[in-house]
Amino acid sequence: MFLFIFVSNWSGALLPWKIIELPHGELAAPTNDINTTVALALLTVVETSILED
């Protein structure tokens, strides 16, 4: 999960530097979207509750 968040945020950070040429809004950082953040939070809660038992 750490690698997903790390790579996702870096992919969004590389666009302003024009290292990757894409149309505007084509490749934004997935963690900008609330749905991705909520999904990662739910996965963490479920994984933690499973590993606690």
PDB file of N, CA and C in Angstrom:
ATOM      1  N   MET A   1       0.825  -1.176   0.000  1.00  0.00           N
ATOM      2  CA  MET A   1       0.000   0.000   0.000  1.00  0.00           C
ATOM      3  C   MET A   1       0.885   1.263   0.000  1.00  0.00           C
ATOM      4  N   PHE A   2       1.982   1.200   0.722  1.00  0.00           N
ATOM      5  CA  PHE A   2       2.896   2.338   0.737  1.00  0.00           C
ATOM      6  C   PHE A   2       3.402   2.647  -0.663  1.00  0.00           C
ATOM      7  N   LEU A   3       3.788   1.604  -1.401  1.00  0.00           N
ATOM      8  CA  LEU A   3       4.302   1.816  -2.750  1.00  0.00           C
ATOM      9  C   LEU A   3       3.234   2.400  -3.671  1.00  0.00           C
ATOM     10  N   PHE A   4       1.995   1.965  -3.523  1.00  0.00           N
ATOM     11  CA  PHE A   4       0.905   2.509  -4.335  1.00  0.00           C
ATOM     12  C   PHE A   4       0.750   4.005  -4.093  1.00  0.00           C
ATOM     13  N   ILE A   5       0.708   4.412  -2.826  1.00  0.00           N
ATOM     14  CA  ILE A   5       0.543   5.822  -2.493  1.00  0.00           C
ATOM     15  C   ILE A   5       1.756   6.621  -2.956  1.00  0.00           C
ATOM     16  N   PHE A   6       2.936   6.091  -2.745  1.00  0.00           N
ATOM     17  CA  PHE A   6       4.164   6.780  -3.128  1.00  0.00           C
ATOM     18  C   PHE A   6       4.240   7.008  -4.637  1.00  0.00           C
ATOM     19  N   VAL A   7       4.023   5.948  -5.407  1.00  0.00           N
ATOM     20  CA  VAL A   7       4.094   6.051  -6.863  1.00  0.00           C
ATOM     21  C   VAL A   7       2.957   6.930  -7.397  1.00  0.00           C
ATOM     22  N   SER A   8       1.783   6.818  -6.822  1.00  0.00           N
ATOM     23  CA  SER A   8       0.653   7.628  -7.264  1.00  0.00           C
ATOM     24  C   SER A   8       0.910   9.111  -7.059  1.00  0.00           C
ATOM     25  N   ASN A   9       1.419   9.463  -5.906  1.00  0.00           N
ATOM     26  CA  ASN A   9       1.685  10.875  -5.641  1.00  0.00           C
ATOM     27  C   ASN A   9       2.821  11.404  -6.505  1.00  0.00           C
ATOM     28  N   TRP A  10       3.830  10.586  -6.760  1.00  0.00           N
ATOM     29  CA  TRP A  10       4.918  11.035  -7.630  1.00  0.00           C
ATOM     30  C   TRP A  10       4.456  11.177  -9.068  1.00  0.00           C
ATOM     31  N   SER A  11       3.543  10.308  -9.499  1.00  0.00           N
ATOM     32  CA  SER A  11       3.040  10.452 -10.872  1.00  0.00           C
ATOM     33  C   SER A  11       2.271  11.751 -11.029  1.00  0.00           C
ATOM     34  N   GLY A  12       1.567  12.167 -10.003  1.00  0.00           N
ATOM     35  CA  GLY A  12       0.883  13.449 -10.050  1.00  0.00           C
ATOM     36  C   GLY A  12       1.841  14.614  -9.923  1.00  0.00           C
ATOM     37  N   ALA A  13       2.957  14.421  -9.251  1.00  0.00           N
ATOM     38  CA  ALA A  13       3.921  15.503  -9.053  1.00  0.00           C
ATOM     39  C   ALA A  13       4.782  15.722 -10.293  1.00  0.00           C
ATOM     40  N   LEU A  14       4.948  14.718 -11.132  1.00  0.00           N
ATOM     41  CA  LEU A  14       5.795  14.865 -12.313  1.00  0.00           C
ATOM     42  C   LEU A  14       5.125  15.670 -13.426  1.00  0.00           C
ATOM     43  N   LEU A  15       3.820  15.755 -13.410  1.00  0.00           N
ATOM     44  CA  LEU A  15       3.115  16.466 -14.479  1.00  0.00           C
ATOM     45  C   LEU A  15       3.412  17.962 -14.522  1.00  0.00           C
ATOM     46  N   PRO A  16       3.439  18.677 -13.397  1.00  0.00           N
ATOM     47  CA  PRO A  16       3.730  20.110 -13.502  1.00  0.00           C
ATOM     48  C   PRO A  16       5.123  20.407 -14.058  1.00  0.00           C
ATOM     49  N   TRP A  17       6.046  19.503 -13.930  1.00  0.00           N
ATOM     50  CA  TRP A  17       7.402  19.706 -14.436  1.00  0.00           C
ATOM     51  C   TRP A  17       7.508  19.409 -15.922  1.00  0.00           C
ATOM     52  N   LYS A  18       6.407  18.961 -16.528  1.00  0.00           N
ATOM     53  CA  LYS A  18       6.347  18.644 -17.966  1.00  0.00           C
ATOM     54  C   LYS A  18       7.304  17.525 -18.347  1.00  0.00           C
ATOM     55  N   ILE A  19       7.582  16.632 -17.399  1.00  0.00           N
ATOM     56  CA  ILE A  19       8.404  15.466 -17.724  1.00  0.00           C
ATOM     57  C   ILE A  19       7.576  14.478 -18.547  1.00  0.00           C
ATOM     58  N   ILE A  20       6.296  14.382 -18.201  1.00  0.00           N
ATOM     59  CA  ILE A  20       5.374  13.525 -18.934  1.00  0.00           C
ATOM     60  C   ILE A  20       4.369  14.437 -19.627  1.00  0.00           C
ATOM     61  N   GLU A  21       4.259  14.354 -20.939  1.00  0.00           N
ATOM     62  CA  GLU A  21       3.346  15.201 -21.694  1.00  0.00           C
ATOM     63  C   GLU A  21       2.017  14.471 -21.890  1.00  0.00           C
ATOM     64  N   LEU A  22       0.966  14.937 -21.220  1.00  0.00           N
ATOM     65  CA  LEU A  22      -0.378  14.393 -21.372  1.00  0.00           C
ATOM     66  C   LEU A  22      -1.368  15.546 -21.402  1.00  0.00           C
ATOM     67  N   PRO A  23      -2.558  15.316 -21.966  1.00  0.00           N
ATOM     68  CA  PRO A  23      -3.582  16.363 -21.925  1.00  0.00           C
ATOM     69  C   PRO A  23      -3.944  16.708 -20.483  1.00  0.00           C
ATOM     70  N   HIS A  24      -4.426  17.911 -20.271  1.00  0.00           N
ATOM     71  CA  HIS A  24      -4.749  18.393 -18.924  1.00  0.00           C
ATOM     72  C   HIS A  24      -5.773  17.478 -18.245  1.00  0.00           C
ATOM     73  N   GLY A  25      -5.479  17.050 -17.032  1.00  0.00           N
ATOM     74  CA  GLY A  25      -6.386  16.216 -16.257  1.00  0.00           C
ATOM     75  C   GLY A  25      -6.346  14.746 -16.603  1.00  0.00           C
ATOM     76  N   GLU A  26      -5.513  14.371 -17.537  1.00  0.00           N
ATOM     77  CA  GLU A  26      -5.472  12.974 -17.975  1.00  0.00           C
ATOM     78  C   GLU A  26      -4.886  12.055 -16.905  1.00  0.00           C
ATOM     79  N   LEU A  27      -3.850  12.494 -16.231  1.00  0.00           N
ATOM     80  CA  LEU A  27      -3.195  11.652 -15.233  1.00  0.00           C
ATOM     81  C   LEU A  27      -2.956  12.473 -13.975  1.00  0.00           C
ATOM     82  N   ALA A  28      -3.971  12.543 -13.148  1.00  0.00           N
ATOM     83  CA  ALA A  28      -3.829  13.222 -11.862  1.00  0.00           C
ATOM     84  C   ALA A  28      -3.488  12.171 -10.813  1.00  0.00           C
ATOM     85  N   ALA A  29      -2.987  12.611  -9.684  1.00  0.00           N
ATOM     86  CA  ALA A  29      -2.670  11.674  -8.609  1.00  0.00           C
ATOM     87  C   ALA A  29      -3.958  11.016  -8.109  1.00  0.00           C
ATOM     88  N   PRO A  30      -4.007   9.690  -8.035  1.00  0.00           N
ATOM     89  CA  PRO A  30      -5.218   9.014  -7.589  1.00  0.00           C
ATOM     90  C   PRO A  30      -5.644   9.406  -6.174  1.00  0.00           C
ATOM     91  N   THR A  31      -4.694   9.821  -5.346  1.00  0.00           N
ATOM     92  CA  THR A  31      -5.068  10.199  -3.986  1.00  0.00           C
ATOM     93  C   THR A  31      -5.733  11.568  -3.931  1.00  0.00           C
ATOM     94  N   ASN A  32      -5.842  12.256  -5.076  1.00  0.00           N
ATOM     95  CA  ASN A  32      -6.641  13.479  -5.142  1.00  0.00           C
ATOM     96  C   ASN A  32      -8.127  13.170  -5.009  1.00  0.00           C
ATOM     97  N   ASP A  33      -8.508  11.979  -5.415  1.00  0.00           N
ATOM     98  CA  ASP A  33      -9.909  11.567  -5.412  1.00  0.00           C
ATOM     99  C   ASP A  33     -10.281  11.000  -4.049  1.00  0.00           C
ATOM    100  N   ILE A  34     -11.402  11.452  -3.501  1.00  0.00           N
ATOM    101  CA  ILE A  34     -11.834  10.991  -2.176  1.00  0.00           C
ATOM    102  C   ILE A  34     -12.166   9.500  -2.187  1.00  0.00           C
ATOM    103  N   ASN A  35     -12.594   8.964  -3.320  1.00  0.00           N
ATOM    104  CA  ASN A  35     -12.938   7.542  -3.381  1.00  0.00           C
ATOM    105  C   ASN A  35     -11.713   6.658  -3.148  1.00  0.00           C
ATOM    106  N   THR A  36     -10.577   7.040  -3.691  1.00  0.00           N
ATOM    107  CA  THR A  36      -9.357   6.266  -3.474  1.00  0.00           C
ATOM    108  C   THR A  36      -8.927   6.340  -2.013  1.00  0.00           C
ATOM    109  N   THR A  37      -9.033   7.512  -1.432  1.00  0.00           N
ATOM    110  CA  THR A  37      -8.656   7.687  -0.029  1.00  0.00           C
ATOM    111  C   THR A  37      -9.546   6.851   0.882  1.00  0.00           C
ATOM    112  N   VAL A  38     -10.841   6.854   0.628  1.00  0.00           N
ATOM    113  CA  VAL A  38     -11.776   6.068   1.435  1.00  0.00           C
ATOM    114  C   VAL A  38     -11.520   4.573   1.239  1.00  0.00           C
ATOM    115  N   ALA A  39     -11.257   4.155   0.014  1.00  0.00           N
ATOM    116  CA  ALA A  39     -10.992   2.735  -0.241  1.00  0.00           C
ATOM    117  C   ALA A  39      -9.729   2.270   0.478  1.00  0.00           C
ATOM    118  N   LEU A  40      -8.682   3.090   0.465  1.00  0.00           N
ATOM    119  CA  LEU A  40      -7.457   2.723   1.177  1.00  0.00           C
ATOM    120  C   LEU A  40      -7.691   2.677   2.685  1.00  0.00           C
ATOM    121  N   ALA A  41      -8.493   3.594   3.199  1.00  0.00           N
ATOM    122  CA  ALA A  41      -8.802   3.591   4.629  1.00  0.00           C
ATOM    123  C   ALA A  41      -9.593   2.345   5.010  1.00  0.00           C
ATOM    124  N   LEU A  42     -10.576   1.975   4.199  1.00  0.00           N
ATOM    125  CA  LEU A  42     -11.367   0.776   4.493  1.00  0.00           C
ATOM    126  C   LEU A  42     -10.517  -0.488   4.408  1.00  0.00           C
ATOM    127  N   LEU A  43      -9.628  -0.556   3.416  1.00  0.00           N
ATOM    128  CA  LEU A  43      -8.727  -1.709   3.335  1.00  0.00           C
ATOM    129  C   LEU A  43      -7.839  -1.814   4.564  1.00  0.00           C
ATOM    130  N   THR A  44      -7.377  -0.693   5.056  1.00  0.00           N
ATOM    131  CA  THR A  44      -6.530  -0.685   6.246  1.00  0.00           C
ATOM    132  C   THR A  44      -7.299  -1.157   7.469  1.00  0.00           C
ATOM    133  N   VAL A  45      -8.535  -0.699   7.623  1.00  0.00           N
ATOM    134  CA  VAL A  45      -9.351  -1.102   8.778  1.00  0.00           C
ATOM    135  C   VAL A  45      -9.653  -2.591   8.716  1.00  0.00           C
ATOM    136  N   VAL A  46     -10.025  -3.086   7.540  1.00  0.00           N
ATOM    137  CA  VAL A  46     -10.347  -4.506   7.395  1.00  0.00           C
ATOM    138  C   VAL A  46      -9.102  -5.360   7.629  1.00  0.00           C
ATOM    139  N   GLU A  47      -7.989  -4.969   7.053  1.00  0.00           N
ATOM    140  CA  GLU A  47      -6.751  -5.733   7.226  1.00  0.00           C
ATOM    141  C   GLU A  47      -6.308  -5.752   8.690  1.00  0.00           C
ATOM    142  N   THR A  48      -6.444  -4.619   9.361  1.00  0.00           N
ATOM    143  CA  THR A  48      -6.064  -4.551  10.763  1.00  0.00           C
ATOM    144  C   THR A  48      -6.962  -5.436  11.619  1.00  0.00           C
ATOM    145  N   SER A  49      -8.254  -5.427  11.331  1.00  0.00           N
ATOM    146  CA  SER A  49      -9.168  -6.259  12.131  1.00  0.00           C
ATOM    147  C   SER A  49      -8.940  -7.741  11.865  1.00  0.00           C
ATOM    148  N   ILE A  50      -8.556  -8.107  10.656  1.00  0.00           N
ATOM    149  CA  ILE A  50      -8.278  -9.518  10.351  1.00  0.00           C
ATOM    150  C   ILE A  50      -6.977  -9.960  11.021  1.00  0.00           C
ATOM    151  N   LEU A  51      -5.962  -9.121  10.982  1.00  0.00           N
ATOM    152  CA  LEU A  51      -4.675  -9.489  11.557  1.00  0.00           C
ATOM    153  C   LEU A  51      -4.678  -9.468  13.081  1.00  0.00           C
ATOM    154  N   GLU A  52      -5.622  -8.751  13.691  1.00  0.00           N
ATOM    155  CA  GLU A  52      -5.703  -8.724  15.154  1.00  0.00           C
ATOM    156  C   GLU A  52      -6.145 -10.059  15.727  1.00  0.00           C
ATOM    157  N   ASP A  53      -6.985 -10.761  14.996  1.00  0.00           N
ATOM    158  CA  ASP A  53      -7.533 -12.025  15.523  1.00  0.00           C
ATOM    159  C   ASP A  53      -6.540 -13.111  15.574  1.00  0.00           C
TER     160      ASP A  53
END
